[in-house]
């Protein structure tokens, strides 16, 4: 039960993490999975890819397909809307951190 609650909570952090990196440079799914794992988020491709697709549908990310080693790889970058949302998310995360840090 506790893990299910934490998973729901961390999904918001994962969205912010994706926006952060997609603003810095184009990201793709496997790279993002590895990046998230380095920060303790152990999610599957079956969780990440729907998040990326939903963020694209919501206008936060834009997709660019490129052929890499004979396969199509989908790269994501933030849109203007994604950049604005990231700025607001950073402000809220900072305020929350200041309040809960002890």
N, C-alpha and C. Protein backbone atom coordinates (compact mmCIF):
# COMPACT_ATOMS: atom_id res chain seq x y z
N UNK A 1 0.82 -1.20 0.00
CA UNK A 1 0.00 0.00 0.00
C UNK A 1 0.86 1.26 0.00
N UNK A 2 1.87 1.30 0.85
CA UNK A 2 2.73 2.47 0.95
C UNK A 2 3.43 2.74 -0.39
N UNK A 3 3.89 1.68 -1.04
CA UNK A 3 4.58 1.85 -2.32
C UNK A 3 3.66 2.45 -3.38
N UNK A 4 2.40 2.06 -3.38
CA UNK A 4 1.43 2.58 -4.34
C UNK A 4 1.23 4.08 -4.13
N UNK A 5 1.16 4.50 -2.88
CA UNK A 5 0.98 5.92 -2.55
C UNK A 5 2.22 6.71 -2.98
N UNK A 6 3.40 6.20 -2.67
CA UNK A 6 4.64 6.87 -3.06
C UNK A 6 4.76 6.96 -4.57
N UNK A 7 4.38 5.91 -5.26
CA UNK A 7 4.45 5.90 -6.72
C UNK A 7 3.60 7.02 -7.31
N UNK A 8 2.40 7.19 -6.79
CA UNK A 8 1.53 8.28 -7.25
C UNK A 8 2.18 9.64 -7.00
N UNK A 9 2.74 9.79 -5.82
CA UNK A 9 3.40 11.05 -5.45
C UNK A 9 4.59 11.33 -6.37
N UNK A 10 5.39 10.32 -6.62
CA UNK A 10 6.60 10.50 -7.40
C UNK A 10 6.33 10.73 -8.89
N UNK A 11 5.15 10.36 -9.38
CA UNK A 11 4.83 10.60 -10.79
C UNK A 11 4.91 12.09 -11.13
N UNK A 12 4.52 12.93 -10.22
CA UNK A 12 4.65 14.37 -10.46
C UNK A 12 6.10 14.80 -10.55
N UNK A 13 6.93 14.24 -9.68
CA UNK A 13 8.37 14.54 -9.74
C UNK A 13 8.97 14.07 -11.05
N UNK A 14 8.51 12.91 -11.52
CA UNK A 14 9.02 12.36 -12.78
C UNK A 14 8.67 13.29 -13.94
N UNK A 15 7.46 13.82 -13.95
CA UNK A 15 7.07 14.77 -14.99
C UNK A 15 7.99 15.99 -14.99
N UNK A 16 8.27 16.52 -13.83
CA UNK A 16 9.16 17.68 -13.72
C UNK A 16 10.56 17.31 -14.20
N UNK A 17 11.02 16.14 -13.82
CA UNK A 17 12.35 15.67 -14.24
C UNK A 17 12.42 15.58 -15.76
N UNK A 18 11.39 15.04 -16.38
CA UNK A 18 11.35 14.93 -17.84
C UNK A 18 11.40 16.32 -18.47
N UNK A 19 10.59 17.23 -17.99
CA UNK A 19 10.60 18.59 -18.54
C UNK A 19 11.98 19.23 -18.40
N UNK A 20 12.59 19.05 -17.25
CA UNK A 20 13.92 19.63 -17.00
C UNK A 20 14.92 19.16 -18.06
N UNK A 21 14.99 17.86 -18.26
CA UNK A 21 15.98 17.33 -19.21
C UNK A 21 15.61 17.62 -20.66
N UNK A 22 14.32 17.58 -20.98
CA UNK A 22 13.89 17.86 -22.35
C UNK A 22 14.13 19.32 -22.72
N UNK A 23 14.20 20.18 -21.72
CA UNK A 23 14.54 21.59 -21.98
C UNK A 23 16.04 21.72 -22.25
N UNK A 24 16.85 20.94 -21.53
CA UNK A 24 18.31 21.01 -21.70
C UNK A 24 18.77 20.47 -23.05
N UNK A 25 18.18 19.36 -23.48
CA UNK A 25 18.57 18.72 -24.74
C UNK A 25 17.51 17.69 -25.11
N UNK A 26 17.46 17.29 -26.37
CA UNK A 26 16.49 16.26 -26.75
C UNK A 26 16.73 14.97 -25.97
N UNK A 27 15.65 14.37 -25.50
CA UNK A 27 15.74 13.12 -24.74
C UNK A 27 15.01 12.02 -25.50
N UNK A 28 15.37 10.77 -25.21
CA UNK A 28 14.61 9.64 -25.74
C UNK A 28 14.37 8.67 -24.59
N UNK A 29 13.41 7.79 -24.79
CA UNK A 29 12.91 6.95 -23.71
C UNK A 29 13.95 6.19 -22.92
N UNK A 30 14.80 5.43 -23.59
CA UNK A 30 15.78 4.61 -22.88
C UNK A 30 16.72 5.48 -22.06
N UNK A 31 17.17 6.59 -22.63
CA UNK A 31 18.04 7.49 -21.89
C UNK A 31 17.33 8.00 -20.64
N UNK A 32 16.05 8.38 -20.81
CA UNK A 32 15.29 8.91 -19.67
C UNK A 32 15.09 7.86 -18.60
N UNK A 33 14.85 6.61 -18.99
CA UNK A 33 14.71 5.53 -18.01
C UNK A 33 15.97 5.40 -17.18
N UNK A 34 17.12 5.44 -17.84
CA UNK A 34 18.40 5.33 -17.14
C UNK A 34 18.64 6.53 -16.23
N UNK A 35 18.30 7.71 -16.71
CA UNK A 35 18.47 8.93 -15.90
C UNK A 35 17.60 8.87 -14.65
N UNK A 36 16.36 8.48 -14.82
CA UNK A 36 15.45 8.38 -13.67
C UNK A 36 15.93 7.33 -12.68
N UNK A 37 16.46 6.24 -13.20
CA UNK A 37 16.96 5.17 -12.32
C UNK A 37 18.12 5.68 -11.46
N UNK A 38 18.98 6.53 -12.04
CA UNK A 38 20.09 7.12 -11.28
C UNK A 38 19.60 7.95 -10.10
N UNK A 39 18.38 8.43 -10.19
CA UNK A 39 17.81 9.25 -9.13
C UNK A 39 16.83 8.48 -8.25
N UNK A 40 16.83 7.17 -8.40
CA UNK A 40 16.02 6.32 -7.53
C UNK A 40 14.61 6.05 -7.99
N UNK A 41 14.26 6.48 -9.20
CA UNK A 41 12.93 6.20 -9.75
C UNK A 41 13.02 4.94 -10.60
N UNK A 42 12.49 3.87 -10.09
CA UNK A 42 12.57 2.60 -10.81
C UNK A 42 11.24 2.35 -11.52
N UNK A 43 11.11 2.93 -12.73
CA UNK A 43 9.88 2.74 -13.49
C UNK A 43 10.20 1.96 -14.76
N UNK A 44 9.19 1.36 -15.31
CA UNK A 44 9.36 0.55 -16.52
C UNK A 44 9.08 1.40 -17.77
N UNK A 45 9.47 0.85 -18.90
CA UNK A 45 9.17 1.50 -20.18
C UNK A 45 7.65 1.61 -20.35
N UNK A 46 6.92 0.62 -19.84
CA UNK A 46 5.47 0.62 -19.92
C UNK A 46 4.82 1.74 -19.12
N UNK A 47 5.57 2.32 -18.20
CA UNK A 47 5.10 3.48 -17.45
C UNK A 47 5.59 4.77 -18.11
N UNK A 48 6.85 4.79 -18.52
CA UNK A 48 7.45 6.01 -19.07
C UNK A 48 6.84 6.43 -20.40
N UNK A 49 6.71 5.48 -21.33
CA UNK A 49 6.27 5.87 -22.68
C UNK A 49 4.87 6.48 -22.70
N UNK A 50 3.91 5.97 -21.94
CA UNK A 50 2.62 6.67 -21.87
C UNK A 50 2.73 8.08 -21.27
N UNK A 51 3.64 8.25 -20.32
CA UNK A 51 3.86 9.59 -19.75
C UNK A 51 4.35 10.53 -20.84
N UNK A 52 5.35 10.09 -21.61
CA UNK A 52 5.89 10.92 -22.70
C UNK A 52 4.80 11.25 -23.72
N UNK A 53 4.01 10.25 -24.09
CA UNK A 53 2.94 10.48 -25.07
C UNK A 53 1.89 11.45 -24.53
N UNK A 54 1.53 11.30 -23.27
CA UNK A 54 0.56 12.22 -22.66
C UNK A 54 1.10 13.63 -22.57
N UNK A 55 2.38 13.76 -22.23
CA UNK A 55 2.98 15.09 -22.16
C UNK A 55 3.03 15.73 -23.54
N UNK A 56 3.23 14.92 -24.56
CA UNK A 56 3.19 15.43 -25.93
C UNK A 56 1.75 15.86 -26.28
N UNK A 57 0.78 15.02 -25.95
CA UNK A 57 -0.64 15.35 -26.21
C UNK A 57 -1.07 16.61 -25.48
N UNK A 58 -0.51 16.83 -24.29
CA UNK A 58 -0.84 18.02 -23.50
C UNK A 58 -0.10 19.27 -23.98
N UNK A 59 0.75 19.11 -24.98
CA UNK A 59 1.46 20.25 -25.54
C UNK A 59 2.70 20.66 -24.76
N UNK A 60 3.19 19.77 -23.89
CA UNK A 60 4.38 20.09 -23.09
C UNK A 60 5.66 19.67 -23.79
N UNK A 61 5.57 18.63 -24.61
CA UNK A 61 6.73 18.11 -25.34
C UNK A 61 6.41 18.06 -26.82
N UNK A 62 7.46 18.19 -27.63
CA UNK A 62 7.31 17.95 -29.06
C UNK A 62 8.25 16.82 -29.45
N UNK A 63 7.83 16.02 -30.39
CA UNK A 63 8.56 14.82 -30.78
C UNK A 63 9.21 15.02 -32.14
N UNK A 64 10.43 14.51 -32.26
CA UNK A 64 11.15 14.52 -33.52
C UNK A 64 11.69 13.10 -33.72
N UNK A 65 11.36 12.48 -34.83
CA UNK A 65 11.81 11.12 -35.08
C UNK A 65 13.05 11.14 -35.95
N UNK A 66 14.06 10.34 -35.53
CA UNK A 66 15.31 10.24 -36.29
C UNK A 66 15.68 8.77 -36.41
N UNK A 67 16.29 8.44 -37.54
CA UNK A 67 16.75 7.07 -37.75
C UNK A 67 18.12 6.90 -37.09
N UNK A 68 18.19 5.93 -36.16
CA UNK A 68 19.43 5.66 -35.44
C UNK A 68 19.69 4.16 -35.53
N UNK A 69 20.82 3.80 -36.13
CA UNK A 69 21.19 2.39 -36.28
C UNK A 69 20.06 1.58 -36.91
N UNK A 70 19.43 2.14 -37.93
CA UNK A 70 18.39 1.45 -38.67
C UNK A 70 17.01 1.46 -38.03
N UNK A 71 16.87 2.09 -36.86
CA UNK A 71 15.59 2.15 -36.17
C UNK A 71 15.17 3.60 -35.97
N UNK A 72 13.87 3.81 -35.89
CA UNK A 72 13.36 5.15 -35.62
C UNK A 72 13.39 5.40 -34.12
N UNK A 73 14.06 6.47 -33.72
CA UNK A 73 14.12 6.86 -32.30
C UNK A 73 13.36 8.17 -32.16
N UNK A 74 12.52 8.24 -31.14
CA UNK A 74 11.72 9.44 -30.88
C UNK A 74 12.43 10.30 -29.84
N UNK A 75 12.76 11.51 -30.25
CA UNK A 75 13.39 12.48 -29.36
C UNK A 75 12.35 13.52 -28.95
N UNK A 76 12.40 13.90 -27.68
CA UNK A 76 11.45 14.86 -27.15
C UNK A 76 12.17 16.09 -26.63
N UNK A 77 11.61 17.25 -26.92
CA UNK A 77 12.07 18.52 -26.37
C UNK A 77 10.85 19.28 -25.84
N UNK A 78 11.09 20.24 -24.98
CA UNK A 78 9.97 21.00 -24.44
C UNK A 78 9.43 21.98 -25.49
N UNK A 79 8.17 22.25 -25.37
CA UNK A 79 7.52 23.29 -26.16
C UNK A 79 7.56 24.57 -25.33
N UNK A 80 7.05 25.64 -25.89
CA UNK A 80 6.96 26.89 -25.12
C UNK A 80 6.08 26.66 -23.89
N UNK A 81 4.97 25.95 -24.07
CA UNK A 81 4.09 25.65 -22.95
C UNK A 81 4.82 24.81 -21.90
N UNK A 82 5.62 23.84 -22.35
CA UNK A 82 6.40 23.01 -21.43
C UNK A 82 7.39 23.83 -20.63
N UNK A 83 8.01 24.81 -21.30
CA UNK A 83 8.95 25.70 -20.61
C UNK A 83 8.26 26.51 -19.52
N UNK A 84 7.07 26.99 -19.83
CA UNK A 84 6.30 27.78 -18.85
C UNK A 84 5.89 26.92 -17.67
N UNK A 85 5.42 25.72 -17.96
CA UNK A 85 5.02 24.80 -16.89
C UNK A 85 6.23 24.45 -16.03
N UNK A 86 7.39 24.25 -16.63
CA UNK A 86 8.59 23.92 -15.87
C UNK A 86 8.97 25.06 -14.92
N UNK A 87 8.88 26.28 -15.37
CA UNK A 87 9.19 27.43 -14.51
C UNK A 87 8.26 27.43 -13.29
N UNK A 88 6.97 27.23 -13.52
CA UNK A 88 6.01 27.20 -12.41
C UNK A 88 6.27 26.01 -11.48
N UNK A 89 6.57 24.85 -12.06
CA UNK A 89 6.83 23.65 -11.25
C UNK A 89 8.07 23.86 -10.39
N UNK A 90 9.09 24.48 -10.93
CA UNK A 90 10.30 24.76 -10.15
C UNK A 90 9.98 25.66 -8.95
N UNK A 91 9.18 26.70 -9.20
CA UNK A 91 8.81 27.60 -8.11
C UNK A 91 8.07 26.85 -7.01
N UNK A 92 7.10 26.04 -7.41
CA UNK A 92 6.30 25.28 -6.43
C UNK A 92 7.17 24.27 -5.69
N UNK A 93 8.05 23.59 -6.41
CA UNK A 93 8.93 22.60 -5.78
C UNK A 93 9.87 23.28 -4.79
N UNK A 94 10.39 24.46 -5.15
CA UNK A 94 11.28 25.20 -4.26
C UNK A 94 10.55 25.62 -2.99
N UNK A 95 9.35 26.15 -3.15
CA UNK A 95 8.55 26.55 -1.98
C UNK A 95 8.25 25.36 -1.08
N UNK A 96 7.90 24.24 -1.69
CA UNK A 96 7.61 23.04 -0.91
C UNK A 96 8.86 22.58 -0.17
N UNK A 97 9.99 22.55 -0.86
CA UNK A 97 11.24 22.12 -0.23
C UNK A 97 11.58 23.00 0.96
N UNK A 98 11.44 24.32 0.81
CA UNK A 98 11.74 25.22 1.92
C UNK A 98 10.85 24.91 3.11
N UNK A 99 9.60 24.58 2.86
CA UNK A 99 8.66 24.33 3.94
C UNK A 99 8.88 23.00 4.65
N UNK A 100 9.26 21.98 3.90
CA UNK A 100 9.34 20.64 4.51
C UNK A 100 10.75 20.21 4.89
N UNK A 101 11.75 20.99 4.62
CA UNK A 101 13.14 20.53 4.83
C UNK A 101 13.50 20.32 6.29
N UNK A 102 12.76 20.74 7.22
CA UNK A 102 12.88 20.49 8.66
C UNK A 102 12.62 21.71 9.42
